[in-house]
C-alpha atoms as a PDB file:
ATOM      1  CA  UNK A   1      99.621 102.438  94.494  1.00  0.00           C
ATOM      2  CA  UNK A   2     103.274 103.122  95.301  1.00  0.00           C
ATOM      3  CA  UNK A   3     103.756 101.485  98.734  1.00  0.00           C
ATOM      4  CA  UNK A   4     106.932 103.464  99.366  1.00  0.00           C
ATOM      5  CA  UNK A   5     104.808 106.633  99.705  1.00  0.00           C
ATOM      6  CA  UNK A   6     102.642 105.189 102.498  1.00  0.00           C
ATOM      7  CA  UNK A   7     103.009 106.881 105.879  1.00  0.00           C
ATOM      8  CA  UNK A   8     101.677 105.790 109.244  1.00  0.00           C
ATOM      9  CA  UNK A   9     101.218 108.416 111.943  1.00  0.00           C
ATOM     10  CA  UNK A  10      99.137 108.941 115.127  1.00  0.00           C
ATOM     11  CA  UNK A  11      95.742 110.451 114.541  1.00  0.00           C
ATOM     12  CA  UNK A  12      95.678 114.186 115.534  1.00  0.00           C
ATOM     13  CA  UNK A  13      93.029 115.205 118.131  1.00  0.00           C
ATOM     14  CA  UNK A  14      91.214 117.186 115.446  1.00  0.00           C
ATOM     15  CA  UNK A  15      90.923 113.966 113.343  1.00  0.00           C
ATOM     16  CA  UNK A  16      89.534 111.709 116.069  1.00  0.00           C
ATOM     17  CA  UNK A  17      85.849 112.151 115.144  1.00  0.00           C
ATOM     18  CA  UNK A  18      86.647 111.175 111.536  1.00  0.00           C
ATOM     19  CA  UNK A  19      88.607 108.181 112.740  1.00  0.00           C
ATOM     20  CA  UNK A  20      85.719 106.990 114.950  1.00  0.00           C
ATOM     21  CA  UNK A  21      83.148 107.609 112.172  1.00  0.00           C
ATOM     22  CA  UNK A  22      85.109 105.559 109.582  1.00  0.00           C
ATOM     23  CA  UNK A  23      85.774 102.755 112.075  1.00  0.00           C
ATOM     24  CA  UNK A  24      82.099 102.641 112.990  1.00  0.00           C
ATOM     25  CA  UNK A  25      81.024 102.531 109.366  1.00  0.00           C
ATOM     26  CA  UNK A  26      83.495 100.079 107.986  1.00  0.00           C
ATOM     27  CA  UNK A  27      84.876  97.803 110.701  1.00  0.00           C
ATOM     28  CA  UNK A  28      82.655  94.764 111.547  1.00  0.00           C
ATOM     29  CA  UNK A  29      83.146  95.384 115.265  1.00  0.00           C
ATOM     30  CA  UNK A  30      82.568  99.130 115.017  1.00  0.00           C
ATOM     31  CA  UNK A  31      84.503 101.837 116.797  1.00  0.00           C
ATOM     32  CA  UNK A  32      86.079 101.786 120.253  1.00  0.00           C
ATOM     33  CA  UNK A  33      86.251 104.527 122.807  1.00  0.00           C
ATOM     34  CA  UNK A  34      89.679 105.857 123.684  1.00  0.00           C
ATOM     35  CA  UNK A  35      90.213 104.423 127.146  1.00  0.00           C
ATOM     36  CA  UNK A  36      93.415 104.082 129.165  1.00  0.00           C
ATOM     37  CA  UNK A  37      96.573 103.503 127.131  1.00  0.00           C
ATOM     38  CA  UNK A  38      95.428 103.861 123.562  1.00  0.00           C
ATOM     39  CA  UNK A  39      96.999 105.202 120.394  1.00  0.00           C
ATOM     40  CA  UNK A  40      95.083 105.537 117.142  1.00  0.00           C
ATOM     41  CA  UNK A  41      96.988 105.510 113.836  1.00  0.00           C
ATOM     42  CA  UNK A  42      96.109 106.507 110.275  1.00  0.00           C
ATOM     43  CA  UNK A  43      97.898 105.260 107.171  1.00  0.00           C
ATOM     44  CA  UNK A  44      98.070 107.816 104.389  1.00  0.00           C
ATOM     45  CA  UNK A  45      99.427 108.284 100.893  1.00  0.00           C
ATOM     46  CA  UNK A  46      99.480 111.859  99.648  1.00  0.00           C
ATOM     47  CA  UNK A  47      97.239 112.828 102.570  1.00  0.00           C
ATOM     48  CA  UNK A  48      94.558 110.342 101.517  1.00  0.00           C
ATOM     49  CA  UNK A  49      93.453 108.023 104.340  1.00  0.00           C
ATOM     50  CA  UNK A  50      94.039 104.351 103.494  1.00  0.00           C
ATOM     51  CA  UNK A  51      93.829 102.478 106.770  1.00  0.00           C
ATOM     52  CA  UNK A  52      93.199 102.861 110.511  1.00  0.00           C
ATOM     53  CA  UNK A  53      94.654 101.065 113.478  1.00  0.00           C
ATOM     54  CA  UNK A  54      93.972 101.144 117.155  1.00  0.00           C
ATOM     55  CA  UNK A  55      96.428  99.945 119.799  1.00  0.00           C
ATOM     56  CA  UNK A  56      95.334  99.768 123.375  1.00  0.00           C
ATOM     57  CA  UNK A  57      96.020  98.147 126.693  1.00  0.00           C
ATOM     58  CA  UNK A  58      96.587  94.392 126.471  1.00  0.00           C
ATOM     59  CA  UNK A  59      93.957  91.858 127.252  1.00  0.00           C
ATOM     60  CA  UNK A  60      93.840  91.202 130.971  1.00  0.00           C
ATOM     61  CA  UNK A  61      93.629  87.415 130.567  1.00  0.00           C
ATOM     62  CA  UNK A  62      95.044  85.473 127.622  1.00  0.00           C
ATOM     63  CA  UNK A  63      96.349  82.025 128.465  1.00  0.00           C
ATOM     64  CA  UNK A  64      97.877  81.472 124.995  1.00  0.00           C
ATOM     65  CA  UNK A  65      99.891  84.659 125.217  1.00  0.00           C
ATOM     66  CA  UNK A  66     100.945  84.163 128.804  1.00  0.00           C
ATOM     67  CA  UNK A  67     102.079  80.546 128.205  1.00  0.00           C
ATOM     68  CA  UNK A  68     104.033  81.662 125.092  1.00  0.00           C
ATOM     69  CA  UNK A  69     105.816  84.406 127.002  1.00  0.00           C
ATOM     70  CA  UNK A  70     106.316  82.183 130.038  1.00  0.00           C
ATOM     71  CA  UNK A  71     104.734  84.506 132.527  1.00  0.00           C
ATOM     72  CA  UNK A  72     103.435  83.263 135.806  1.00  0.00           C
ATOM     73  CA  UNK A  73     100.332  84.815 137.341  1.00  0.00           C
ATOM     74  CA  UNK A  74     102.300  87.491 139.274  1.00  0.00           C
ATOM     75  CA  UNK A  75     104.594  88.494 136.449  1.00  0.00           C
ATOM     76  CA  UNK A  76     101.628  88.745 134.085  1.00  0.00           C
ATOM     77  CA  UNK A  77     100.012  91.548 136.127  1.00  0.00           C
ATOM     78  CA  UNK A  78     103.341  93.279 136.832  1.00  0.00           C
ATOM     79  CA  UNK A  79     104.212  93.402 133.144  1.00  0.00           C
ATOM     80  CA  UNK A  80     100.901  93.590 131.281  1.00  0.00           C
ATOM     81  CA  UNK A  81     101.404  97.310 130.653  1.00  0.00           C
ATOM     82  CA  UNK A  82     104.365  96.422 128.382  1.00  0.00           C
ATOM     83  CA  UNK A  83     102.031  94.754 125.830  1.00  0.00           C
ATOM     84  CA  UNK A  84      99.754  96.609 123.399  1.00  0.00           C
ATOM     85  CA  UNK A  85      96.663  95.059 121.819  1.00  0.00           C
ATOM     86  CA  UNK A  86      96.042  95.828 118.177  1.00  0.00           C
ATOM     87  CA  UNK A  87      92.314  96.138 118.895  1.00  0.00           C
ATOM     88  CA  UNK A  88      91.280  97.344 115.479  1.00  0.00           C
ATOM     89  CA  UNK A  89      92.794  97.317 111.987  1.00  0.00           C
ATOM     90  CA  UNK A  90      90.848  98.546 109.008  1.00  0.00           C
ATOM     91  CA  UNK A  91      91.789  99.020 105.367  1.00  0.00           C
ATOM     92  CA  UNK A  92      89.275 101.482 104.008  1.00  0.00           C
ATOM     93  CA  UNK A  93      86.926 100.019 101.311  1.00  0.00           C
ATOM     94  CA  UNK A  94      88.390 101.961  98.387  1.00  0.00           C
ATOM     95  CA  UNK A  95      92.009 100.981  99.299  1.00  0.00           C
ATOM     96  CA  UNK A  96      92.368  97.279  98.816  1.00  0.00           C
ATOM     97  CA  UNK A  97      95.822  97.133  97.178  1.00  0.00           C
ATOM     98  CA  UNK A  98      98.193  94.188  97.167  1.00  0.00           C
ATOM     99  CA  UNK A  99     100.488  94.185 100.194  1.00  0.00           C
ATOM    100  CA  UNK A 100      99.084  97.411 101.593  1.00  0.00           C
ATOM    101  CA  UNK A 101      97.906  95.910 104.930  1.00  0.00           C
ATOM    102  CA  UNK A 102     101.265  94.255 105.515  1.00  0.00           C
ATOM    103  CA  UNK A 103     103.109  97.516 104.685  1.00  0.00           C
ATOM    104  CA  UNK A 104     100.868  99.442 107.142  1.00  0.00           C
ATOM    105  CA  UNK A 105     101.482  96.918 109.924  1.00  0.00           C
ATOM    106  CA  UNK A 106     105.239  97.045 109.298  1.00  0.00           C
ATOM    107  CA  UNK A 107     105.363 100.814 109.359  1.00  0.00           C
ATOM    108  CA  UNK A 108     103.312 100.947 112.524  1.00  0.00           C
ATOM    109  CA  UNK A 109     105.480  98.337 114.169  1.00  0.00           C
ATOM    110  CA  UNK A 110     108.548 100.423 113.528  1.00  0.00           C
ATOM    111  CA  UNK A 111     107.191 103.528 115.202  1.00  0.00           C
ATOM    112  CA  UNK A 112     104.849 102.320 117.967  1.00  0.00           C
ATOM    113  CA  UNK A 113     107.606 101.676 120.578  1.00  0.00           C
ATOM    114  CA  UNK A 114     108.743 105.269 120.500  1.00  0.00           C
ATOM    115  CA  UNK A 115     105.154 106.584 120.470  1.00  0.00           C
ATOM    116  CA  UNK A 116     104.179 104.320 123.341  1.00  0.00           C
ATOM    117  CA  UNK A 117     107.249 105.416 125.422  1.00  0.00           C
ATOM    118  CA  UNK A 118     106.634 109.111 124.721  1.00  0.00           C
ATOM    119  CA  UNK A 119     102.938 109.010 125.425  1.00  0.00           C
ATOM    120  CA  UNK A 120     102.735 106.664 128.428  1.00  0.00           C
ATOM    121  CA  UNK A 121     106.248 106.803 129.880  1.00  0.00           C
ATOM    122  CA  UNK A 122     107.142 103.112 129.662  1.00  0.00           C
ATOM    123  CA  UNK A 123     108.508 100.868 126.939  1.00  0.00           C
ATOM    124  CA  UNK A 124     106.412  98.520 124.766  1.00  0.00           C
ATOM    125  CA  UNK A 125     107.899  95.080 124.533  1.00  0.00           C
ATOM    126  CA  UNK A 126     105.335  93.384 122.294  1.00  0.00           C
ATOM    127  CA  UNK A 127     102.006  93.580 120.550  1.00  0.00           C
ATOM    128  CA  UNK A 128      99.134  91.124 120.420  1.00  0.00           C
ATOM    129  CA  UNK A 129      95.966  90.794 118.436  1.00  0.00           C
ATOM    130  CA  UNK A 130      92.958  88.562 118.215  1.00  0.00           C
ATOM    131  CA  UNK A 131      91.590  87.331 114.934  1.00  0.00           C
ATOM    132  CA  UNK A 132      88.114  85.750 114.521  1.00  0.00           C
ATOM    133  CA  UNK A 133      88.744  82.672 112.313  1.00  0.00           C
ATOM    134  CA  UNK A 134      85.137  82.652 111.177  1.00  0.00           C
ATOM    135  CA  UNK A 135      85.911  85.889 109.321  1.00  0.00           C
ATOM    136  CA  UNK A 136      89.684  85.901 108.723  1.00  0.00           C
ATOM    137  CA  UNK A 137      92.635  83.574 108.931  1.00  0.00           C
ATOM    138  CA  UNK A 138      95.239  86.207 109.960  1.00  0.00           C
ATOM    139  CA  UNK A 139      96.979  86.300 106.573  1.00  0.00           C
ATOM    140  CA  UNK A 140      98.172  89.893 107.002  1.00  0.00           C
ATOM    141  CA  UNK A 141      99.596  89.121 110.467  1.00  0.00           C
ATOM    142  CA  UNK A 142     101.414  86.063 109.106  1.00  0.00           C
ATOM    143  CA  UNK A 143     102.785  88.170 106.277  1.00  0.00           C
ATOM    144  CA  UNK A 144     103.970  90.832 108.645  1.00  0.00           C
ATOM    145  CA  UNK A 145     105.848  88.191 110.708  1.00  0.00           C
ATOM    146  CA  UNK A 146     103.579  88.135 113.713  1.00  0.00           C
ATOM    147  CA  UNK A 147     103.702  84.800 115.546  1.00  0.00           C
ATOM    148  CA  UNK A 148     100.552  82.724 115.973  1.00  0.00           C
ATOM    149  CA  UNK A 149     100.783  81.596 119.640  1.00  0.00           C
ATOM    150  CA  UNK A 150      97.427  79.825 120.063  1.00  0.00           C
ATOM    151  CA  UNK A 151      93.725  80.333 120.545  1.00  0.00           C
ATOM    152  CA  UNK A 152      91.609  81.916 123.213  1.00  0.00           C
ATOM    153  CA  UNK A 153      89.124  79.825 125.165  1.00  0.00           C
ATOM    154  CA  UNK A 154      86.307  81.873 123.597  1.00  0.00           C
ATOM    155  CA  UNK A 155      85.160  83.901 126.541  1.00  0.00           C
ATOM    156  CA  UNK A 156      84.857  87.602 125.902  1.00  0.00           C
ATOM    157  CA  UNK A 157      85.373  90.491 128.309  1.00  0.00           C
ATOM    158  CA  UNK A 158      82.179  92.426 128.979  1.00  0.00           C
ATOM    159  CA  UNK A 159      81.386  95.502 131.042  1.00  0.00           C
ATOM    160  CA  UNK A 160      80.629  93.184 133.971  1.00  0.00           C
ATOM    161  CA  UNK A 161      83.638  90.884 133.726  1.00  0.00           C
ATOM    162  CA  UNK A 162      83.614  87.965 131.308  1.00  0.00           C
ATOM    163  CA  UNK A 163      80.867  86.328 129.343  1.00  0.00           C
ATOM    164  CA  UNK A 164      79.234  83.302 130.983  1.00  0.00           C
ATOM    165  CA  UNK A 165      79.062  81.335 127.752  1.00  0.00           C
ATOM    166  CA  UNK A 166      81.833  80.406 125.399  1.00  0.00           C
ATOM    167  CA  UNK A 167      81.762  82.527 122.231  1.00  0.00           C
ATOM    168  CA  UNK A 168      83.982  82.091 119.133  1.00  0.00           C
ATOM    169  CA  UNK A 169      87.570  81.135 120.004  1.00  0.00           C
ATOM    170  CA  UNK A 170      90.037  83.715 118.481  1.00  0.00           C
ATOM    171  CA  UNK A 171      93.451  83.190 117.029  1.00  0.00           C
ATOM    172  CA  UNK A 172      96.153  84.913 119.198  1.00  0.00           C
ATOM    173  CA  UNK A 173      99.090  86.639 117.441  1.00  0.00           C
END
């Protein structure tokens, strides 16, 4: 695999069903609907799909992120739209090549600010993601120079607000 030939681009509307199907089949959390501010990306090499990423609106509440940024309660809500959440990242099963995931994250990081501005009309200042330490340790995010800022308290957002019981605490990058 020649990493210099990898390209990351937004998923075309005609490709969205394929994106969702692959995410549902191969990501342990399954697929996500496209709600609010969301951009789906595909990483390709010679038109072969290698990886998929989803960036969406930031988590409404994340104490570790907000403390790291230094936002008070009011600023958090005024500026939350300037943060994108890397809500899914999938390297397809047949594509596990050394340094591929880091390359894909780096390419995406270079282009997402322009894509976000063009699509939603406001700048993107930073990205966040949550990693389940019972499954992963965030190696690819460390390698791509994302900063580990802390852990969540373990409560998950649900359709009705937040879970009543503490679930697995996630690493926050």
